Amino acid sequence: MIHIALVDDHLLFREGIKAIFQEEKNMEISLEASDGNEFLNSLRSAVVKPNVVLLDIRMPNLDGYATAELLLTEYPDMKIIVLTMHEEERHIIRMIELGVNGYLMKNASPDEVLESIDCVMEHDYYFNNKITNIMRKVMMYKGKRTADNSMYELTEREIEVLELICKEFTAKEIGEKLFISFRTVEGHRKKLLSKLNVRNTAGLVVLALKNEIVQI
């Protein structure tokens, strides 16, 4: 069972999102809150911690940015999907740079909401084509582009693994493709996180896009 937290200050919207999960057998909303403070207080005393948080940006008391930062520090294994009406590039890039696992607009279809949850649980990140294109455009504009992988001291195998991660292959699929074990793939992923100094797989994808470390 995938346990989901829903953090949004609009009750009607929360009710609509909860309706999406009523027929799902492997997902359930186990925690909901109207702002970051309420959520964090409930989370600390919750017996069952959520696997995924659907998080709005604009909320009273503690907004999505501050909430995401605290979650990434206190609960680094918890997946964060931003679910918001804000489609401006500055919001998208700021959240992605913080280290969230996904970014969705509130006009997304119910199927995409469900898909995004499955995807972050399996791949550690979810960005649709629109968000990926914005990431690519803004990151390349903001940062100096480089194809010199030597500055990261990545091995040829690590680059291969990184490219397949960016193409949304699972660890199992990467292992099968490269004829290595699941454990070896995870070892490479952890080394990539350390060498590239990012929080999670989403961070690996962002940095790879920004600096053209791999060809996608």
C-alpha atoms as a PDB file:
ATOM      1  CA  MET A   1       0.000   0.000   0.000  1.00  0.00           C
ATOM      2  CA  ILE A   2       1.306   3.448  -0.945  1.00  0.00           C
ATOM      3  CA  HIS A   3       0.382   5.955   1.757  1.00  0.00           C
ATOM      4  CA  ILE A   4      -0.164   9.487   0.496  1.00  0.00           C
ATOM      5  CA  ALA A   5      -0.326  12.836   2.276  1.00  0.00           C
ATOM      6  CA  LEU A   6      -2.285  15.711   0.770  1.00  0.00           C
ATOM      7  CA  VAL A   7      -1.283  19.235   1.805  1.00  0.00           C
ATOM      8  CA  ASP A   8      -3.431  22.009   0.330  1.00  0.00           C
ATOM      9  CA  ASP A   9      -5.360  24.887   1.871  1.00  0.00           C
ATOM     10  CA  HIS A  10      -8.445  24.413  -0.319  1.00  0.00           C
ATOM     11  CA  LEU A  11     -10.860  21.892   1.198  1.00  0.00           C
ATOM     12  CA  LEU A  12     -12.864  21.450  -2.002  1.00  0.00           C
ATOM     13  CA  PHE A  13      -9.702  20.601  -3.935  1.00  0.00           C
ATOM     14  CA  ARG A  14      -8.627  18.086  -1.286  1.00  0.00           C
ATOM     15  CA  GLU A  15     -12.010  16.398  -1.493  1.00  0.00           C
ATOM     16  CA  GLY A  16     -11.678  16.147  -5.263  1.00  0.00           C
ATOM     17  CA  ILE A  17      -8.199  14.611  -5.019  1.00  0.00           C
ATOM     18  CA  LYS A  18      -9.354  12.115  -2.394  1.00  0.00           C
ATOM     19  CA  ALA A  19     -12.097  10.959  -4.762  1.00  0.00           C
ATOM     20  CA  ILE A  20      -9.415   9.906  -7.267  1.00  0.00           C
ATOM     21  CA  PHE A  21      -8.052   7.335  -4.820  1.00  0.00           C
ATOM     22  CA  GLN A  22     -11.343   5.790  -3.693  1.00  0.00           C
ATOM     23  CA  GLU A  23     -11.154   3.004  -6.273  1.00  0.00           C
ATOM     24  CA  GLU A  24      -7.391   2.447  -5.969  1.00  0.00           C
ATOM     25  CA  LYS A  25      -6.412  -0.756  -4.175  1.00  0.00           C
ATOM     26  CA  ASN A  26      -2.730   0.030  -3.650  1.00  0.00           C
ATOM     27  CA  MET A  27      -2.937   3.743  -2.776  1.00  0.00           C
ATOM     28  CA  GLU A  28      -4.696   5.703  -0.061  1.00  0.00           C
ATOM     29  CA  ILE A  29      -4.743   9.189   1.420  1.00  0.00           C
ATOM     30  CA  SER A  30      -3.557   8.561   4.965  1.00  0.00           C
ATOM     31  CA  LEU A  31      -2.911  12.161   6.004  1.00  0.00           C
ATOM     32  CA  GLU A  32      -4.172  15.566   4.944  1.00  0.00           C
ATOM     33  CA  ALA A  33      -3.547  19.130   6.083  1.00  0.00           C
ATOM     34  CA  SER A  34      -4.350  22.694   5.082  1.00  0.00           C
ATOM     35  CA  ASP A  35      -0.806  24.063   5.496  1.00  0.00           C
ATOM     36  CA  GLY A  36       2.752  23.041   6.211  1.00  0.00           C
ATOM     37  CA  ASN A  37       2.619  23.589   9.966  1.00  0.00           C
ATOM     38  CA  GLU A  38      -0.464  21.453  10.387  1.00  0.00           C
ATOM     39  CA  PHE A  39       1.050  18.747   8.203  1.00  0.00           C
ATOM     40  CA  LEU A  40       4.414  18.606   9.984  1.00  0.00           C
ATOM     41  CA  ASN A  41       2.738  18.503  13.404  1.00  0.00           C
ATOM     42  CA  SER A  42       0.499  15.641  12.273  1.00  0.00           C
ATOM     43  CA  LEU A  43       3.373  13.876  10.556  1.00  0.00           C
ATOM     44  CA  ARG A  44       5.600  13.781  13.620  1.00  0.00           C
ATOM     45  CA  SER A  45       2.952  11.929  15.614  1.00  0.00           C
ATOM     46  CA  ALA A  46       1.685   9.732  12.766  1.00  0.00           C
ATOM     47  CA  VAL A  47       2.124   5.998  13.273  1.00  0.00           C
ATOM     48  CA  VAL A  48       2.193   5.368   9.519  1.00  0.00           C
ATOM     49  CA  LYS A  49       4.336   7.862   7.631  1.00  0.00           C
ATOM     50  CA  PRO A  50       3.272   8.695   4.080  1.00  0.00           C
ATOM     51  CA  ASN A  51       5.414   7.480   1.193  1.00  0.00           C
ATOM     52  CA  VAL A  52       4.413  10.384  -1.041  1.00  0.00           C
ATOM     53  CA  VAL A  53       3.352  13.966  -0.311  1.00  0.00           C
ATOM     54  CA  LEU A  54       1.191  15.935  -2.735  1.00  0.00           C
ATOM     55  CA  LEU A  55       2.167  19.485  -1.824  1.00  0.00           C
ATOM     56  CA  ASP A  56       0.763  22.854  -2.850  1.00  0.00           C
ATOM     57  CA  ILE A  57       2.979  25.955  -2.961  1.00  0.00           C
ATOM     58  CA  ARG A  58       0.849  28.855  -1.757  1.00  0.00           C
ATOM     59  CA  MET A  59      -0.501  28.108   1.725  1.00  0.00           C
ATOM     60  CA  PRO A  60      -0.880  30.100   4.966  1.00  0.00           C
ATOM     61  CA  ASN A  61       1.441  29.706   7.966  1.00  0.00           C
ATOM     62  CA  LEU A  62       4.049  27.568   6.200  1.00  0.00           C
ATOM     63  CA  ASP A  63       4.156  27.526   2.405  1.00  0.00           C
ATOM     64  CA  GLY A  64       5.243  24.729   0.094  1.00  0.00           C
ATOM     65  CA  TYR A  65       8.826  25.914  -0.230  1.00  0.00           C
ATOM     66  CA  ALA A  66       9.502  25.936   3.514  1.00  0.00           C
ATOM     67  CA  THR A  67       7.589  22.683   3.988  1.00  0.00           C
ATOM     68  CA  ALA A  68       9.583  20.952   1.241  1.00  0.00           C
ATOM     69  CA  GLU A  69      12.888  22.086   2.770  1.00  0.00           C
ATOM     70  CA  LEU A  70      11.924  20.722   6.188  1.00  0.00           C
ATOM     71  CA  LEU A  71      10.674  17.445   4.721  1.00  0.00           C
ATOM     72  CA  LEU A  72      13.850  16.930   2.710  1.00  0.00           C
ATOM     73  CA  THR A  73      15.889  17.416   5.878  1.00  0.00           C
ATOM     74  CA  GLU A  74      13.762  15.476   8.370  1.00  0.00           C
ATOM     75  CA  TYR A  75      12.272  12.810   6.063  1.00  0.00           C
ATOM     76  CA  PRO A  76      14.701  12.386   3.137  1.00  0.00           C
ATOM     77  CA  ASP A  77      13.078   9.129   1.983  1.00  0.00           C
ATOM     78  CA  MET A  78       9.646  10.709   1.597  1.00  0.00           C
ATOM     79  CA  LYS A  79       8.750  11.531  -2.005  1.00  0.00           C
ATOM     80  CA  ILE A  80       7.455  15.049  -2.719  1.00  0.00           C
ATOM     81  CA  ILE A  81       5.253  15.854  -5.698  1.00  0.00           C
ATOM     82  CA  VAL A  82       4.332  19.514  -6.025  1.00  0.00           C
ATOM     83  CA  LEU A  83       0.687  19.818  -7.100  1.00  0.00           C
ATOM     84  CA  THR A  84      -0.089  23.445  -7.819  1.00  0.00           C
ATOM     85  CA  MET A  85      -1.728  25.981 -10.119  1.00  0.00           C
ATOM     86  CA  HIS A  86       1.580  27.864 -10.528  1.00  0.00           C
ATOM     87  CA  GLU A  87       3.133  27.120 -13.902  1.00  0.00           C
ATOM     88  CA  GLU A  88       5.642  29.977 -13.924  1.00  0.00           C
ATOM     89  CA  GLU A  89       9.214  28.884 -14.575  1.00  0.00           C
ATOM     90  CA  ARG A  90      10.518  30.467 -11.368  1.00  0.00           C
ATOM     91  CA  HIS A  91       8.265  28.260  -9.219  1.00  0.00           C
ATOM     92  CA  ILE A  92       9.114  25.104 -11.151  1.00  0.00           C
ATOM     93  CA  ILE A  93      12.869  25.635 -11.094  1.00  0.00           C
ATOM     94  CA  ARG A  94      12.978  26.710  -7.444  1.00  0.00           C
ATOM     95  CA  MET A  95      11.122  23.580  -6.344  1.00  0.00           C
ATOM     96  CA  ILE A  96      13.193  21.282  -8.520  1.00  0.00           C
ATOM     97  CA  GLU A  97      16.412  22.850  -7.256  1.00  0.00           C
ATOM     98  CA  LEU A  98      15.217  22.231  -3.690  1.00  0.00           C
ATOM     99  CA  GLY A  99      15.063  18.536  -4.537  1.00  0.00           C
ATOM    100  CA  VAL A 100      11.381  17.614  -4.977  1.00  0.00           C
ATOM    101  CA  ASN A 101      10.622  14.419  -6.891  1.00  0.00           C
ATOM    102  CA  GLY A 102       7.912  15.743  -9.186  1.00  0.00           C
ATOM    103  CA  TYR A 103       5.926  18.777 -10.301  1.00  0.00           C
ATOM    104  CA  LEU A 104       2.318  18.656 -11.517  1.00  0.00           C
ATOM    105  CA  MET A 105      -0.219  21.282 -12.465  1.00  0.00           C
ATOM    106  CA  LYS A 106      -3.670  21.160 -10.869  1.00  0.00           C
ATOM    107  CA  ASN A 107      -5.239  20.762 -14.288  1.00  0.00           C
ATOM    108  CA  ALA A 108      -3.487  17.398 -14.671  1.00  0.00           C
ATOM    109  CA  SER A 109      -5.754  14.440 -15.356  1.00  0.00           C
ATOM    110  CA  PRO A 110      -6.546  11.946 -12.580  1.00  0.00           C
ATOM    111  CA  ASP A 111      -4.599   9.335 -14.550  1.00  0.00           C
ATOM    112  CA  GLU A 112      -1.498  11.538 -14.577  1.00  0.00           C
ATOM    113  CA  VAL A 113      -1.739  12.084 -10.818  1.00  0.00           C
ATOM    114  CA  LEU A 114      -1.798   8.308 -10.302  1.00  0.00           C
ATOM    115  CA  GLU A 115       0.973   7.807 -12.846  1.00  0.00           C
ATOM    116  CA  SER A 116       3.184  10.390 -11.122  1.00  0.00           C
ATOM    117  CA  ILE A 117       2.880   8.553  -7.802  1.00  0.00           C
ATOM    118  CA  ASP A 118       3.743   5.197  -9.365  1.00  0.00           C
ATOM    119  CA  CYS A 119       6.649   6.825 -11.153  1.00  0.00           C
ATOM    120  CA  VAL A 120       8.246   8.474  -8.112  1.00  0.00           C
ATOM    121  CA  MET A 121       7.936   5.225  -6.198  1.00  0.00           C
ATOM    122  CA  GLU A 122       9.612   3.282  -9.002  1.00  0.00           C
ATOM    123  CA  HIS A 123      12.005   5.818 -10.576  1.00  0.00           C
ATOM    124  CA  ASP A 124      12.314   8.421  -7.763  1.00  0.00           C
ATOM    125  CA  TYR A 125      11.105  11.250 -10.010  1.00  0.00           C
ATOM    126  CA  TYR A 126       8.326  12.319 -12.371  1.00  0.00           C
ATOM    127  CA  PHE A 127       8.435  15.241 -14.788  1.00  0.00           C
ATOM    128  CA  ASN A 128       6.130  15.361 -17.791  1.00  0.00           C
ATOM    129  CA  ASN A 129       7.280  16.734 -21.156  1.00  0.00           C
ATOM    130  CA  LYS A 130       6.228  20.287 -20.374  1.00  0.00           C
ATOM    131  CA  ILE A 131       8.166  20.411 -17.104  1.00  0.00           C
ATOM    132  CA  THR A 132      11.198  18.672 -18.649  1.00  0.00           C
ATOM    133  CA  ASN A 133      11.330  21.210 -21.488  1.00  0.00           C
ATOM    134  CA  ILE A 134      11.165  24.090 -19.008  1.00  0.00           C
ATOM    135  CA  MET A 135      13.930  22.491 -16.940  1.00  0.00           C
ATOM    136  CA  ARG A 136      16.112  22.057 -19.999  1.00  0.00           C
ATOM    137  CA  LYS A 137      15.577  25.610 -21.263  1.00  0.00           C
ATOM    138  CA  VAL A 138      16.003  27.414 -17.958  1.00  0.00           C
ATOM    139  CA  MET A 139      18.820  25.283 -16.560  1.00  0.00           C
ATOM    140  CA  MET A 140      20.890  25.616 -19.720  1.00  0.00           C
ATOM    141  CA  TYR A 141      20.273  29.364 -19.765  1.00  0.00           C
ATOM    142  CA  LYS A 142      21.178  29.817 -16.106  1.00  0.00           C
ATOM    143  CA  GLY A 143      24.257  27.632 -15.959  1.00  0.00           C
ATOM    144  CA  LYS A 144      27.346  27.357 -18.091  1.00  0.00           C
ATOM    145  CA  ARG A 145      26.911  24.344 -20.311  1.00  0.00           C
ATOM    146  CA  THR A 146      29.682  21.823 -20.394  1.00  0.00           C
ATOM    147  CA  ALA A 147      30.169  18.412 -21.901  1.00  0.00           C
ATOM    148  CA  ASP A 148      33.395  17.863 -19.968  1.00  0.00           C
ATOM    149  CA  ASN A 149      32.538  14.929 -17.731  1.00  0.00           C
ATOM    150  CA  SER A 150      36.044  14.850 -16.289  1.00  0.00           C
ATOM    151  CA  MET A 151      35.169  17.692 -13.920  1.00  0.00           C
ATOM    152  CA  TYR A 152      32.749  15.300 -12.191  1.00  0.00           C
ATOM    153  CA  GLU A 153      35.200  12.393 -12.225  1.00  0.00           C
ATOM    154  CA  LEU A 154      32.516  10.030 -13.497  1.00  0.00           C
ATOM    155  CA  THR A 155      33.467   6.626 -14.792  1.00  0.00           C
ATOM    156  CA  GLU A 156      32.230   5.364 -18.145  1.00  0.00           C
ATOM    157  CA  ARG A 157      29.894   2.959 -16.340  1.00  0.00           C
ATOM    158  CA  GLU A 158      28.496   5.736 -14.115  1.00  0.00           C
ATOM    159  CA  ILE A 159      27.736   7.804 -17.221  1.00  0.00           C
ATOM    160  CA  GLU A 160      25.947   4.807 -18.752  1.00  0.00           C
ATOM    161  CA  VAL A 161      23.856   4.356 -15.608  1.00  0.00           C
ATOM    162  CA  LEU A 162      23.105   8.092 -15.426  1.00  0.00           C
ATOM    163  CA  GLU A 163      21.918   8.159 -19.019  1.00  0.00           C
ATOM    164  CA  LEU A 164      19.554   5.241 -18.419  1.00  0.00           C
ATOM    165  CA  ILE A 165      18.255   6.861 -15.218  1.00  0.00           C
ATOM    166  CA  CYS A 166      17.476  10.006 -17.233  1.00  0.00           C
ATOM    167  CA  LYS A 167      15.603   7.831 -19.734  1.00  0.00           C
ATOM    168  CA  GLU A 168      13.411   6.547 -16.863  1.00  0.00           C
ATOM    169  CA  PHE A 169      14.714   2.980 -16.739  1.00  0.00           C
ATOM    170  CA  THR A 170      14.280   1.273 -13.379  1.00  0.00           C
ATOM    171  CA  ALA A 171      17.255  -0.127 -11.468  1.00  0.00           C
ATOM    172  CA  LYS A 172      16.152  -3.641 -12.487  1.00  0.00           C
ATOM    173  CA  GLU A 173      15.906  -2.626 -16.159  1.00  0.00           C
ATOM    174  CA  ILE A 174      19.299  -0.893 -16.024  1.00  0.00           C
ATOM    175  CA  GLY A 175      20.826  -4.031 -14.549  1.00  0.00           C
ATOM    176  CA  GLU A 176      19.357  -6.187 -17.303  1.00  0.00           C
ATOM    177  CA  LYS A 177      20.489  -3.763 -20.009  1.00  0.00           C
ATOM    178  CA  LEU A 178      24.059  -3.482 -18.703  1.00  0.00           C
ATOM    179  CA  PHE A 179      24.294  -7.103 -17.473  1.00  0.00           C
ATOM    180  CA  ILE A 180      24.947  -6.084 -13.875  1.00  0.00           C
ATOM    181  CA  SER A 181      23.063  -6.793 -10.659  1.00  0.00           C
ATOM    182  CA  PHE A 182      20.403  -4.616  -9.049  1.00  0.00           C
ATOM    183  CA  ARG A 183      22.757  -4.052  -6.108  1.00  0.00           C
ATOM    184  CA  THR A 184      25.510  -2.862  -8.449  1.00  0.00           C
ATOM    185  CA  VAL A 185      23.120  -0.416 -10.120  1.00  0.00           C
ATOM    186  CA  GLU A 186      22.126   0.970  -6.722  1.00  0.00           C
ATOM    187  CA  GLY A 187      25.809   1.280  -5.839  1.00  0.00           C
ATOM    188  CA  HIS A 188      26.433   3.343  -8.969  1.00  0.00           C
ATOM    189  CA  ARG A 189      23.388   5.511  -8.229  1.00  0.00           C
ATOM    190  CA  LYS A 190      24.625   6.247  -4.710  1.00  0.00           C
ATOM    191  CA  LYS A 191      28.072   7.152  -6.033  1.00  0.00           C
ATOM    192  CA  LEU A 192      26.451   9.472  -8.581  1.00  0.00           C
ATOM    193  CA  LEU A 193      24.458  11.195  -5.827  1.00  0.00           C
ATOM    194  CA  SER A 194      27.668  11.705  -3.859  1.00  0.00           C
ATOM    195  CA  LYS A 195      29.858  12.818  -6.761  1.00  0.00           C
ATOM    196  CA  LEU A 196      27.283  15.211  -8.181  1.00  0.00           C
ATOM    197  CA  ASN A 197      26.254  16.408  -4.709  1.00  0.00           C
ATOM    198  CA  VAL A 198      22.479  16.121  -5.205  1.00  0.00           C
ATOM    199  CA  ARG A 199      19.729  14.853  -2.891  1.00  0.00           C
ATOM    200  CA  ASN A 200      17.929  12.345  -5.067  1.00  0.00           C
ATOM    201  CA  THR A 201      17.436  10.920  -8.540  1.00  0.00           C
ATOM    202  CA  ALA A 202      15.484  14.004  -9.613  1.00  0.00           C
ATOM    203  CA  GLY A 203      18.576  16.042  -8.789  1.00  0.00           C
ATOM    204  CA  LEU A 204      20.681  13.751 -10.984  1.00  0.00           C
ATOM    205  CA  VAL A 205      18.326  14.338 -13.917  1.00  0.00           C
ATOM    206  CA  VAL A 206      18.325  18.120 -13.402  1.00  0.00           C
ATOM    207  CA  LEU A 207      22.122  18.309 -13.283  1.00  0.00           C
ATOM    208  CA  ALA A 208      22.497  16.014 -16.286  1.00  0.00           C
ATOM    209  CA  LEU A 209      20.135  18.203 -18.321  1.00  0.00           C
ATOM    210  CA  LYS A 210      21.779  21.416 -17.178  1.00  0.00           C
ATOM    211  CA  ASN A 211      25.325  20.373 -17.996  1.00  0.00           C
ATOM    212  CA  GLU A 212      24.693  17.986 -20.874  1.00  0.00           C
ATOM    213  CA  ILE A 213      26.536  15.195 -19.071  1.00  0.00           C
ATOM    214  CA  VAL A 214      24.543  12.644 -21.071  1.00  0.00           C
ATOM    215  CA  GLN A 215      22.702  12.725 -24.371  1.00  0.00           C
ATOM    216  CA  ILE A 216      18.941  12.240 -23.957  1.00  0.00           C
END
